[in-house]
Amino acid sequence: MSRLYKIIDASAWEAAIRAGTFVGAEIDLQDGYIHLSTAAQAAETARLHFAGREGLLLVGVEAQSLGDALKWEPSRGGDLFPHLYGPLAPDLAVETRALALNADGWPDPGVLAA
């Protein structure tokens, strides 16, 4: 199985659970898809886009559960990133962890370990 991750504010994820769907954060809505990362990409995503923020979660979903709405497209440095063209059902989450970042925006190295 291939696990993908969404870094999200805890309050936004709680709202998604109550609503039964997550349509995306502001950047996702602007870009027209939900940004996801692989385990290898998630730490750099956290550093670049979430440094200085608190109250974050790392939500894991299995790529296979996303169906045809999942597309792999070039992004940072030409690396292929998973983009979800459609809402994310919170019940697809197979893990949800608190994500604390250090002063430089990096998560604890063990947070993405299986």
N, C-alpha and C. Protein backbone atom coordinates (compact mmCIF):
# COMPACT_ATOMS: atom_id res chain seq x y z
N MET A 1 0.83 -1.18 0.00
CA MET A 1 0.00 0.00 0.00
C MET A 1 0.88 1.25 0.00
N SER A 2 0.36 2.29 -0.56
CA SER A 2 1.09 3.54 -0.66
C SER A 2 0.35 4.61 0.15
N ARG A 3 0.96 5.02 1.23
CA ARG A 3 0.32 6.01 2.10
C ARG A 3 0.67 7.42 1.65
N LEU A 4 -0.34 8.26 1.61
CA LEU A 4 -0.18 9.67 1.28
C LEU A 4 -0.61 10.50 2.48
N TYR A 5 -0.11 11.73 2.54
CA TYR A 5 -0.36 12.56 3.71
C TYR A 5 -0.90 13.93 3.34
N LYS A 6 -1.77 14.43 4.19
CA LYS A 6 -2.26 15.81 4.12
C LYS A 6 -1.89 16.47 5.43
N ILE A 7 -1.21 17.60 5.34
CA ILE A 7 -0.92 18.41 6.52
C ILE A 7 -2.05 19.43 6.62
N ILE A 8 -2.67 19.48 7.77
CA ILE A 8 -3.89 20.28 7.90
C ILE A 8 -4.02 20.83 9.31
N ASP A 9 -4.64 21.99 9.43
CA ASP A 9 -4.95 22.53 10.75
C ASP A 9 -5.94 21.59 11.43
N ALA A 10 -5.71 21.33 12.70
CA ALA A 10 -6.60 20.43 13.45
C ALA A 10 -8.04 20.90 13.40
N SER A 11 -8.27 22.20 13.50
CA SER A 11 -9.64 22.71 13.49
C SER A 11 -10.32 22.46 12.14
N ALA A 12 -9.56 22.56 11.06
CA ALA A 12 -10.13 22.30 9.72
C ALA A 12 -10.48 20.82 9.57
N TRP A 13 -9.65 19.94 10.12
CA TRP A 13 -9.93 18.51 10.02
C TRP A 13 -11.14 18.15 10.88
N GLU A 14 -11.25 18.75 12.06
CA GLU A 14 -12.41 18.51 12.91
C GLU A 14 -13.69 18.97 12.21
N ALA A 15 -13.63 20.10 11.52
CA ALA A 15 -14.79 20.59 10.76
C ALA A 15 -15.12 19.63 9.62
N ALA A 16 -14.10 19.09 8.98
CA ALA A 16 -14.33 18.14 7.89
C ALA A 16 -15.00 16.87 8.41
N ILE A 17 -14.59 16.41 9.56
CA ILE A 17 -15.21 15.23 10.17
C ILE A 17 -16.69 15.51 10.44
N ARG A 18 -16.97 16.66 11.00
CA ARG A 18 -18.38 17.01 11.29
C ARG A 18 -19.20 17.10 9.99
N ALA A 19 -18.59 17.65 8.94
CA ALA A 19 -19.29 17.83 7.67
C ALA A 19 -19.32 16.54 6.84
N GLY A 20 -18.43 15.61 7.16
CA GLY A 20 -18.36 14.37 6.40
C GLY A 20 -17.54 14.48 5.12
N THR A 21 -16.88 15.63 4.92
CA THR A 21 -16.04 15.81 3.74
C THR A 21 -15.05 16.94 3.96
N PHE A 22 -13.91 16.84 3.29
CA PHE A 22 -12.90 17.90 3.29
C PHE A 22 -12.74 18.34 1.85
N VAL A 23 -13.08 19.60 1.58
CA VAL A 23 -13.00 20.10 0.21
C VAL A 23 -11.70 20.81 -0.06
N GLY A 24 -10.91 21.04 0.97
CA GLY A 24 -9.59 21.62 0.79
C GLY A 24 -9.35 22.84 1.65
N ALA A 25 -8.07 23.10 1.87
CA ALA A 25 -7.64 24.33 2.55
C ALA A 25 -7.64 25.45 1.51
N GLU A 26 -7.35 26.65 1.94
CA GLU A 26 -7.38 27.80 1.03
C GLU A 26 -6.52 27.56 -0.22
N ILE A 27 -5.30 27.08 -0.03
CA ILE A 27 -4.41 26.84 -1.18
C ILE A 27 -4.97 25.77 -2.11
N ASP A 28 -5.61 24.76 -1.54
CA ASP A 28 -6.21 23.70 -2.35
C ASP A 28 -7.33 24.28 -3.21
N LEU A 29 -8.16 25.09 -2.59
CA LEU A 29 -9.29 25.69 -3.31
C LEU A 29 -8.79 26.61 -4.43
N GLN A 30 -7.71 27.33 -4.17
CA GLN A 30 -7.13 28.22 -5.19
C GLN A 30 -6.59 27.41 -6.36
N ASP A 31 -5.93 26.30 -6.07
CA ASP A 31 -5.27 25.50 -7.11
C ASP A 31 -6.20 24.51 -7.80
N GLY A 32 -7.35 24.23 -7.20
CA GLY A 32 -8.32 23.33 -7.82
C GLY A 32 -8.13 21.87 -7.50
N TYR A 33 -7.29 21.56 -6.53
CA TYR A 33 -7.08 20.18 -6.08
C TYR A 33 -6.53 20.20 -4.67
N ILE A 34 -6.64 19.08 -3.98
CA ILE A 34 -6.11 18.93 -2.63
C ILE A 34 -4.67 18.45 -2.73
N HIS A 35 -3.76 19.24 -2.16
CA HIS A 35 -2.34 18.91 -2.15
C HIS A 35 -2.09 17.79 -1.15
N LEU A 36 -1.44 16.74 -1.60
CA LEU A 36 -1.01 15.64 -0.74
C LEU A 36 0.48 15.47 -0.92
N SER A 37 1.10 14.69 -0.05
CA SER A 37 2.52 14.38 -0.14
C SER A 37 2.76 12.93 0.19
N THR A 38 3.82 12.37 -0.36
CA THR A 38 4.27 11.06 0.06
C THR A 38 5.02 11.23 1.39
N ALA A 39 5.38 10.15 2.02
CA ALA A 39 6.16 10.24 3.26
C ALA A 39 7.49 10.94 3.00
N ALA A 40 8.10 10.67 1.85
CA ALA A 40 9.38 11.29 1.51
C ALA A 40 9.25 12.79 1.25
N GLN A 41 8.08 13.25 0.85
CA GLN A 41 7.86 14.66 0.52
C GLN A 41 7.30 15.48 1.67
N ALA A 42 6.68 14.84 2.64
CA ALA A 42 5.92 15.55 3.66
C ALA A 42 6.76 16.47 4.54
N ALA A 43 7.97 16.07 4.91
CA ALA A 43 8.79 16.92 5.78
C ALA A 43 9.14 18.23 5.09
N GLU A 44 9.52 18.17 3.83
CA GLU A 44 9.85 19.39 3.09
C GLU A 44 8.60 20.24 2.87
N THR A 45 7.47 19.61 2.63
CA THR A 45 6.21 20.34 2.50
C THR A 45 5.92 21.10 3.80
N ALA A 46 6.11 20.44 4.93
CA ALA A 46 5.89 21.08 6.23
C ALA A 46 6.82 22.28 6.38
N ARG A 47 8.08 22.10 6.07
CA ARG A 47 9.06 23.19 6.23
C ARG A 47 8.72 24.38 5.33
N LEU A 48 8.37 24.11 4.09
CA LEU A 48 8.12 25.19 3.13
C LEU A 48 6.80 25.92 3.34
N HIS A 49 5.78 25.20 3.76
CA HIS A 49 4.44 25.78 3.77
C HIS A 49 3.79 25.92 5.15
N PHE A 50 4.38 25.32 6.19
CA PHE A 50 3.71 25.33 7.49
C PHE A 50 4.62 25.79 8.63
N ALA A 51 5.84 26.23 8.35
CA ALA A 51 6.76 26.67 9.40
C ALA A 51 6.11 27.77 10.23
N GLY A 52 6.29 27.68 11.54
CA GLY A 52 5.74 28.67 12.45
C GLY A 52 4.30 28.45 12.84
N ARG A 53 3.68 27.42 12.30
CA ARG A 53 2.27 27.16 12.62
C ARG A 53 2.16 26.06 13.67
N GLU A 54 1.13 26.19 14.47
CA GLU A 54 0.85 25.19 15.51
C GLU A 54 -0.53 24.61 15.26
N GLY A 55 -0.85 23.55 15.98
CA GLY A 55 -2.17 22.94 15.86
C GLY A 55 -2.36 22.20 14.55
N LEU A 56 -1.27 21.60 14.06
CA LEU A 56 -1.33 20.87 12.79
C LEU A 56 -1.52 19.38 13.01
N LEU A 57 -2.12 18.75 12.03
CA LEU A 57 -2.25 17.29 12.01
C LEU A 57 -1.62 16.77 10.73
N LEU A 58 -1.16 15.54 10.82
CA LEU A 58 -0.70 14.79 9.66
C LEU A 58 -1.72 13.67 9.47
N VAL A 59 -2.48 13.76 8.39
CA VAL A 59 -3.54 12.79 8.12
C VAL A 59 -3.06 11.86 7.01
N GLY A 60 -3.08 10.56 7.27
CA GLY A 60 -2.63 9.58 6.29
C GLY A 60 -3.80 8.86 5.64
N VAL A 61 -3.72 8.71 4.32
CA VAL A 61 -4.72 7.95 3.56
C VAL A 61 -3.98 7.02 2.61
N GLU A 62 -4.61 5.93 2.26
CA GLU A 62 -4.02 5.01 1.29
C GLU A 62 -4.35 5.50 -0.12
N ALA A 63 -3.35 5.58 -0.96
CA ALA A 63 -3.53 6.10 -2.32
C ALA A 63 -4.63 5.34 -3.06
N GLN A 64 -4.69 4.04 -2.89
CA GLN A 64 -5.67 3.22 -3.60
C GLN A 64 -7.11 3.62 -3.27
N SER A 65 -7.32 4.15 -2.09
CA SER A 65 -8.68 4.50 -1.67
C SER A 65 -9.19 5.77 -2.36
N LEU A 66 -8.32 6.49 -3.05
CA LEU A 66 -8.70 7.76 -3.66
C LEU A 66 -9.17 7.62 -5.10
N GLY A 67 -8.96 6.47 -5.69
CA GLY A 67 -9.48 6.19 -7.02
C GLY A 67 -8.91 7.09 -8.11
N ASP A 68 -9.72 7.31 -9.14
CA ASP A 68 -9.29 8.07 -10.31
C ASP A 68 -9.14 9.56 -10.05
N ALA A 69 -9.61 10.05 -8.92
CA ALA A 69 -9.48 11.47 -8.60
C ALA A 69 -8.04 11.83 -8.23
N LEU A 70 -7.20 10.81 -7.97
CA LEU A 70 -5.80 11.03 -7.62
C LEU A 70 -4.96 11.10 -8.88
N LYS A 71 -4.22 12.19 -9.02
CA LYS A 71 -3.32 12.38 -10.16
C LYS A 71 -1.93 12.68 -9.64
N TRP A 72 -0.93 12.15 -10.32
CA TRP A 72 0.47 12.42 -9.98
C TRP A 72 0.99 13.44 -10.98
N GLU A 73 1.38 14.61 -10.46
CA GLU A 73 1.79 15.70 -11.34
C GLU A 73 3.10 16.31 -10.87
N PRO A 74 3.91 16.79 -11.83
CA PRO A 74 5.18 17.41 -11.45
C PRO A 74 4.96 18.69 -10.65
N SER A 75 5.80 18.87 -9.65
CA SER A 75 5.75 20.07 -8.83
C SER A 75 7.17 20.41 -8.43
N ARG A 76 7.39 20.65 -7.15
CA ARG A 76 8.70 21.06 -6.63
C ARG A 76 9.84 20.25 -7.21
N GLY A 77 10.74 20.92 -7.92
CA GLY A 77 11.91 20.25 -8.48
C GLY A 77 11.59 19.19 -9.52
N GLY A 78 10.40 19.21 -10.09
CA GLY A 78 10.01 18.20 -11.07
C GLY A 78 9.54 16.90 -10.45
N ASP A 79 9.59 16.80 -9.13
CA ASP A 79 9.13 15.60 -8.44
C ASP A 79 7.62 15.43 -8.66
N LEU A 80 7.15 14.20 -8.81
CA LEU A 80 5.72 13.95 -8.95
C LEU A 80 5.05 13.98 -7.59
N PHE A 81 4.01 14.81 -7.49
CA PHE A 81 3.26 14.94 -6.25
C PHE A 81 1.84 14.45 -6.46
N PRO A 82 1.25 13.85 -5.41
CA PRO A 82 -0.14 13.41 -5.49
C PRO A 82 -1.10 14.58 -5.29
N HIS A 83 -2.01 14.74 -6.24
CA HIS A 83 -3.03 15.79 -6.17
C HIS A 83 -4.39 15.12 -6.27
N LEU A 84 -5.29 15.47 -5.36
CA LEU A 84 -6.62 14.89 -5.33
C LEU A 84 -7.61 15.88 -5.92
N TYR A 85 -8.18 15.51 -7.06
CA TYR A 85 -9.17 16.34 -7.75
C TYR A 85 -10.57 15.94 -7.31
N GLY A 86 -10.93 16.39 -6.15
CA GLY A 86 -12.22 16.09 -5.57
C GLY A 86 -12.10 16.14 -4.07
N PRO A 87 -13.20 16.01 -3.36
CA PRO A 87 -13.15 16.06 -1.90
C PRO A 87 -12.51 14.82 -1.30
N LEU A 88 -12.06 14.98 -0.08
CA LEU A 88 -11.48 13.87 0.68
C LEU A 88 -12.46 13.50 1.79
N ALA A 89 -12.90 12.26 1.78
CA ALA A 89 -13.80 11.77 2.84
C ALA A 89 -12.97 11.48 4.09
N PRO A 90 -13.28 12.12 5.22
CA PRO A 90 -12.51 11.88 6.44
C PRO A 90 -12.45 10.42 6.86
N ASP A 91 -13.46 9.64 6.51
CA ASP A 91 -13.44 8.23 6.92
C ASP A 91 -12.40 7.42 6.16
N LEU A 92 -11.74 8.01 5.16
CA LEU A 92 -10.65 7.32 4.46
C LEU A 92 -9.33 7.42 5.22
N ALA A 93 -9.27 8.28 6.23
CA ALA A 93 -8.04 8.45 7.00
C ALA A 93 -7.72 7.16 7.75
N VAL A 94 -6.51 6.67 7.56
CA VAL A 94 -6.06 5.47 8.27
C VAL A 94 -5.17 5.83 9.46
N GLU A 95 -4.76 7.10 9.52
CA GLU A 95 -4.02 7.59 10.67
C GLU A 95 -4.15 9.10 10.74
N THR A 96 -4.11 9.60 11.95
CA THR A 96 -4.12 11.03 12.20
C THR A 96 -3.19 11.28 13.38
N ARG A 97 -2.16 12.09 13.14
CA ARG A 97 -1.18 12.37 14.19
C ARG A 97 -0.99 13.87 14.36
N ALA A 98 -0.73 14.28 15.58
CA ALA A 98 -0.34 15.67 15.81
C ALA A 98 1.01 15.89 15.11
N LEU A 99 1.17 17.05 14.52
CA LEU A 99 2.40 17.37 13.80
C LEU A 99 3.00 18.64 14.37
N ALA A 100 4.01 18.46 15.21
CA ALA A 100 4.73 19.60 15.77
C ALA A 100 5.97 19.84 14.91
N LEU A 101 6.25 21.11 14.65
CA LEU A 101 7.40 21.48 13.84
C LEU A 101 8.42 22.22 14.70
N ASN A 102 9.70 22.01 14.41
CA ASN A 102 10.73 22.74 15.17
C ASN A 102 10.82 24.18 14.66
N ALA A 103 11.75 24.95 15.20
CA ALA A 103 11.86 26.36 14.86
C ALA A 103 12.11 26.60 13.37
N ASP A 104 12.72 25.63 12.70
CA ASP A 104 13.00 25.76 11.27
C ASP A 104 11.88 25.20 10.39
N GLY A 105 10.83 24.69 11.01
CA GLY A 105 9.70 24.17 10.26
C GLY A 105 9.75 22.68 9.97
N TRP A 106 10.78 22.00 10.46
CA TRP A 106 10.89 20.55 10.21
C TRP A 106 10.13 19.77 11.28
N PRO A 107 9.43 18.70 10.86
CA PRO A 107 8.81 17.82 11.87
C PRO A 107 9.87 16.94 12.52
N ASP A 108 9.52 16.37 13.66
CA ASP A 108 10.38 15.38 14.29
C ASP A 108 10.65 14.27 13.30
N PRO A 109 11.91 13.83 13.15
CA PRO A 109 12.24 12.81 12.14
C PRO A 109 11.42 11.54 12.27
N GLY A 110 10.98 11.19 13.46
CA GLY A 110 10.22 9.95 13.64
C GLY A 110 8.75 10.03 13.28
N VAL A 111 8.23 11.23 13.03
CA VAL A 111 6.80 11.38 12.82
C VAL A 111 6.33 10.69 11.53
N LEU A 112 7.20 10.55 10.56
CA LEU A 112 6.81 9.92 9.31
C LEU A 112 7.27 8.46 9.23
N ALA A 113 7.83 7.95 10.30
CA ALA A 113 8.25 6.56 10.33
C ALA A 113 7.02 5.68 10.48
N ALA A 114 7.06 4.55 9.83
CA ALA A 114 5.92 3.61 9.90
C ALA A 114 5.80 2.99 11.26
